[in-house]
Amino acid sequence: MQTITALLFDNFETLDLFGPIQMFGSLPEHYRIQYSSLLGGVISNNHGIAIQTTAIAELDYSTVILLIVGGMGTRQKISDSEFLQALVSLSTHADWVLSVCTGSALLAKAGVLDNRKATSNKLALQWASTQSEEVHWVQESRWVVDGKFYTSSGVSAGIDMALGFIADRHGIKTAQRIANYTEYHWQQDSKLDSFYEP
């Protein structure tokens, strides 16, 4: 059983979180999910979603897979040194780090994506890229894999990335079964994103 820690902050993007969680939650025999934030307590967003989280320092299980989401809340967290330090620690100790949307901007600012390829939300990629010149930003991809880091484009791309991660770990048939169950048209080619405009 591998533990996914979803790292949250106020004003996160709803589908950034629940899209991948829906996919991973389809394999309860392989994954448990814990919701965390810097200090714990209730984290909410502008869609009226409120989630009880555990402080990073008090997590019940060690993080094997870190899921960092995006949303407008990244604009505040990008200058929160305590949060970024915690993100470095979690990323360093996790076996895998998955980001959705502008979650990659936080990883970039924290320095953990230095000399790696990554992507972000197409509409926010210019902003994300200003967080670090050490990251090799890939504009055209739906999601990018570099070592233990999986970074996806915006919002629904997190679902495609999660299914890609599942395919890499458990086989493409398992990923396709989950996509079929959720009636989702999975974009299987990580290098192809129809929202990219050259």
Protein backbone atom coordinates (compact mmCIF):
# COMPACT_ATOMS: atom_id res chain seq x y z
CA MET A 1 0.00 0.00 0.00
CA GLN A 2 1.47 3.32 -1.09
CA THR A 3 0.44 6.60 0.50
CA ILE A 4 -0.44 9.61 -1.61
CA THR A 5 -0.16 12.89 0.24
CA ALA A 6 -2.22 15.63 -1.38
CA LEU A 7 -0.68 18.92 -0.30
CA LEU A 8 -3.32 21.63 -0.18
CA PHE A 9 -3.66 25.35 0.43
CA ASP A 10 -6.56 27.78 0.34
CA ASN A 11 -7.96 28.58 -3.12
CA PHE A 12 -6.69 25.38 -4.74
CA GLU A 13 -8.26 24.36 -8.06
CA THR A 14 -11.00 21.79 -7.47
CA LEU A 15 -10.38 19.47 -10.43
CA ASP A 16 -6.60 19.64 -9.93
CA LEU A 17 -7.22 17.65 -6.77
CA PHE A 18 -10.30 15.56 -7.36
CA GLY A 19 -9.49 14.54 -10.94
CA PRO A 20 -6.34 12.60 -9.98
CA ILE A 21 -7.90 11.46 -6.69
CA GLN A 22 -10.77 9.88 -8.61
CA MET A 23 -8.27 7.93 -10.70
CA PHE A 24 -6.06 6.79 -7.82
CA GLY A 25 -9.10 6.09 -5.67
CA SER A 26 -10.12 3.46 -8.20
CA LEU A 27 -7.19 1.34 -6.96
CA PRO A 28 -7.77 1.20 -3.17
CA GLU A 29 -5.71 -1.97 -2.95
CA HIS A 30 -2.65 0.00 -4.05
CA TYR A 31 -3.15 3.56 -2.78
CA ARG A 32 -4.26 5.30 0.38
CA ILE A 33 -4.78 9.05 0.31
CA GLN A 34 -4.10 11.59 3.04
CA TYR A 35 -4.83 15.31 2.81
CA SER A 36 -2.30 17.70 4.25
CA SER A 37 -1.53 21.38 4.57
CA LEU A 38 1.27 23.32 6.19
CA LEU A 39 -0.45 23.76 9.56
CA GLY A 40 -3.45 21.45 9.24
CA GLY A 41 -7.10 22.36 9.71
CA VAL A 42 -9.77 23.16 7.16
CA ILE A 43 -8.61 24.21 3.70
CA SER A 44 -11.19 25.73 1.36
CA ASN A 45 -11.52 27.15 -2.12
CA ASN A 46 -13.84 29.44 -4.05
CA HIS A 47 -16.05 26.54 -5.15
CA GLY A 48 -17.13 26.03 -1.56
CA ILE A 49 -15.01 22.91 -1.08
CA ALA A 50 -13.76 22.54 2.50
CA ILE A 51 -11.35 19.71 3.41
CA GLN A 52 -10.04 18.76 6.82
CA THR A 53 -6.27 18.40 6.52
CA THR A 54 -3.46 17.15 8.70
CA ALA A 55 -0.40 19.29 9.37
CA ILE A 56 2.65 18.14 7.42
CA ALA A 57 4.50 17.51 10.68
CA GLU A 58 1.70 15.26 11.97
CA LEU A 59 0.98 12.98 9.00
CA ASP A 60 -0.05 9.43 9.88
CA TYR A 61 1.82 7.83 7.00
CA SER A 62 5.09 8.50 5.21
CA THR A 63 4.61 10.10 1.81
CA VAL A 64 5.42 7.81 -1.10
CA ILE A 65 3.66 9.92 -3.72
CA LEU A 66 3.33 13.68 -3.30
CA LEU A 67 0.49 15.37 -5.18
CA ILE A 68 0.78 19.14 -5.39
CA VAL A 69 -2.12 20.97 -7.00
CA GLY A 70 -2.49 24.41 -8.52
CA GLY A 71 -5.02 27.19 -8.48
CA MET A 72 -5.04 30.88 -7.62
CA GLY A 73 -3.73 30.05 -4.15
CA THR A 74 -0.32 29.41 -5.68
CA ARG A 75 0.08 33.17 -6.06
CA GLN A 76 0.23 33.49 -2.27
CA LYS A 77 2.23 30.33 -1.59
CA ILE A 78 4.91 31.24 -4.14
CA SER A 79 6.33 33.72 -1.60
CA ASP A 80 5.67 31.66 1.55
CA SER A 81 9.16 30.52 2.55
CA GLU A 82 7.91 28.16 5.26
CA PHE A 83 5.60 26.42 2.81
CA LEU A 84 8.35 26.16 0.19
CA GLN A 85 10.77 24.66 2.71
CA ALA A 86 8.16 22.06 3.64
CA LEU A 87 7.62 21.36 -0.05
CA VAL A 88 11.35 20.76 -0.52
CA SER A 89 11.37 18.28 2.37
CA LEU A 90 8.31 16.38 1.16
CA SER A 91 9.59 16.29 -2.42
CA THR A 92 13.02 15.08 -1.36
CA HIS A 93 11.69 12.18 0.67
CA ALA A 94 8.87 11.11 -1.66
CA ASP A 95 9.46 8.39 -4.21
CA TRP A 96 7.31 10.26 -6.72
CA VAL A 97 6.19 13.87 -7.07
CA LEU A 98 3.14 14.72 -9.18
CA SER A 99 2.01 18.28 -9.88
CA VAL A 100 -1.08 19.61 -11.61
CA CYS A 101 -1.39 23.00 -13.27
CA THR A 102 0.56 25.73 -11.43
CA GLY A 103 1.65 23.28 -8.76
CA SER A 104 4.79 23.02 -10.90
CA ALA A 105 5.42 26.74 -10.33
CA LEU A 106 5.65 26.02 -6.60
CA LEU A 107 8.05 23.15 -7.24
CA ALA A 108 10.11 25.38 -9.52
CA LYS A 109 10.26 28.17 -6.95
CA ALA A 110 11.30 25.65 -4.31
CA GLY A 111 14.21 24.61 -6.54
CA VAL A 112 13.36 20.93 -6.79
CA LEU A 113 12.85 21.07 -10.56
CA ASP A 114 16.27 22.57 -11.31
CA ASN A 115 17.74 21.08 -14.50
CA ARG A 116 14.57 19.08 -15.15
CA LYS A 117 11.87 19.24 -17.79
CA ALA A 118 8.43 20.31 -16.64
CA THR A 119 5.18 21.85 -17.84
CA SER A 120 2.29 23.82 -16.41
CA ASN A 121 -1.09 25.28 -17.29
CA LYS A 122 -0.85 26.74 -20.79
CA LEU A 123 -2.64 29.91 -19.69
CA ALA A 124 -0.23 30.41 -16.79
CA LEU A 125 2.96 29.01 -18.25
CA GLN A 126 4.55 32.41 -18.70
CA TRP A 127 4.01 33.18 -15.01
CA ALA A 128 5.16 29.71 -13.95
CA SER A 129 8.33 29.99 -16.01
CA THR A 130 9.30 33.20 -14.22
CA GLN A 131 9.61 31.25 -10.97
CA SER A 132 12.82 29.57 -12.12
CA GLU A 133 15.16 29.87 -15.07
CA GLU A 134 16.72 26.52 -14.10
CA VAL A 135 13.69 24.53 -15.30
CA HIS A 136 13.42 23.36 -18.90
CA TRP A 137 9.79 24.30 -19.53
CA VAL A 138 8.01 22.20 -22.17
CA GLN A 139 5.12 24.16 -23.60
CA GLU A 140 3.52 21.64 -25.93
CA SER A 141 3.14 18.59 -23.67
CA ARG A 142 0.03 17.44 -21.82
CA TRP A 143 2.30 16.13 -19.08
CA VAL A 144 6.02 15.66 -18.68
CA VAL A 145 7.98 12.93 -16.89
CA ASP A 146 11.52 13.59 -15.70
CA GLY A 147 12.86 11.12 -13.19
CA LYS A 148 10.47 10.93 -10.25
CA PHE A 149 8.67 14.12 -11.28
CA TYR A 150 5.41 14.13 -13.24
CA THR A 151 4.13 17.61 -14.10
CA SER A 152 0.92 18.27 -16.00
CA SER A 153 -0.69 21.11 -17.85
CA GLY A 154 -3.89 22.74 -16.63
CA VAL A 155 -6.75 21.33 -14.58
CA SER A 156 -8.12 18.31 -16.53
CA ALA A 157 -4.59 17.40 -17.65
CA GLY A 158 -4.04 16.13 -14.13
CA ILE A 159 -6.43 13.28 -14.91
CA ASP A 160 -4.43 12.33 -18.00
CA MET A 161 -1.20 12.48 -15.99
CA ALA A 162 -2.63 10.36 -13.17
CA LEU A 163 -3.76 7.74 -15.68
CA GLY A 164 -0.31 7.92 -17.29
CA PHE A 165 1.31 7.33 -13.90
CA ILE A 166 -1.03 4.40 -13.27
CA ALA A 167 -0.21 2.97 -16.70
CA ASP A 168 3.51 3.24 -15.94
CA ARG A 169 3.07 1.40 -12.63
CA HIS A 170 0.23 -1.04 -13.33
CA GLY A 171 -0.05 -1.34 -17.11
CA ILE A 172 -2.05 0.46 -19.74
CA LYS A 173 -4.99 -1.95 -19.45
CA THR A 174 -5.51 -0.95 -15.84
CA ALA A 175 -5.40 2.74 -16.72
CA GLN A 176 -7.81 2.24 -19.61
CA ARG A 177 -10.19 0.29 -17.38
CA ILE A 178 -10.32 3.22 -14.97
CA ALA A 179 -10.83 5.69 -17.83
CA ASN A 180 -13.68 3.57 -19.17
CA TYR A 181 -15.27 3.29 -15.72
CA THR A 182 -15.26 7.06 -15.35
CA GLU A 183 -16.34 7.53 -18.99
CA TYR A 184 -13.30 9.71 -19.57
CA HIS A 185 -11.57 10.11 -22.93
CA TRP A 186 -7.99 9.67 -21.81
CA GLN A 187 -5.32 11.55 -23.79
CA GLN A 188 -2.70 8.79 -23.74
CA ASP A 189 0.03 10.67 -25.59
CA SER A 190 1.76 12.87 -23.02
CA LYS A 191 3.46 14.92 -25.73
CA LEU A 192 0.20 15.96 -27.39
CA ASP A 193 -1.93 18.76 -25.93
CA SER A 194 -4.69 20.21 -28.05
CA PHE A 195 -4.70 23.34 -25.89
CA TYR A 196 -1.17 24.23 -26.95
CA GLU A 197 -1.02 27.05 -29.47
CA PRO A 198 2.44 27.62 -31.00
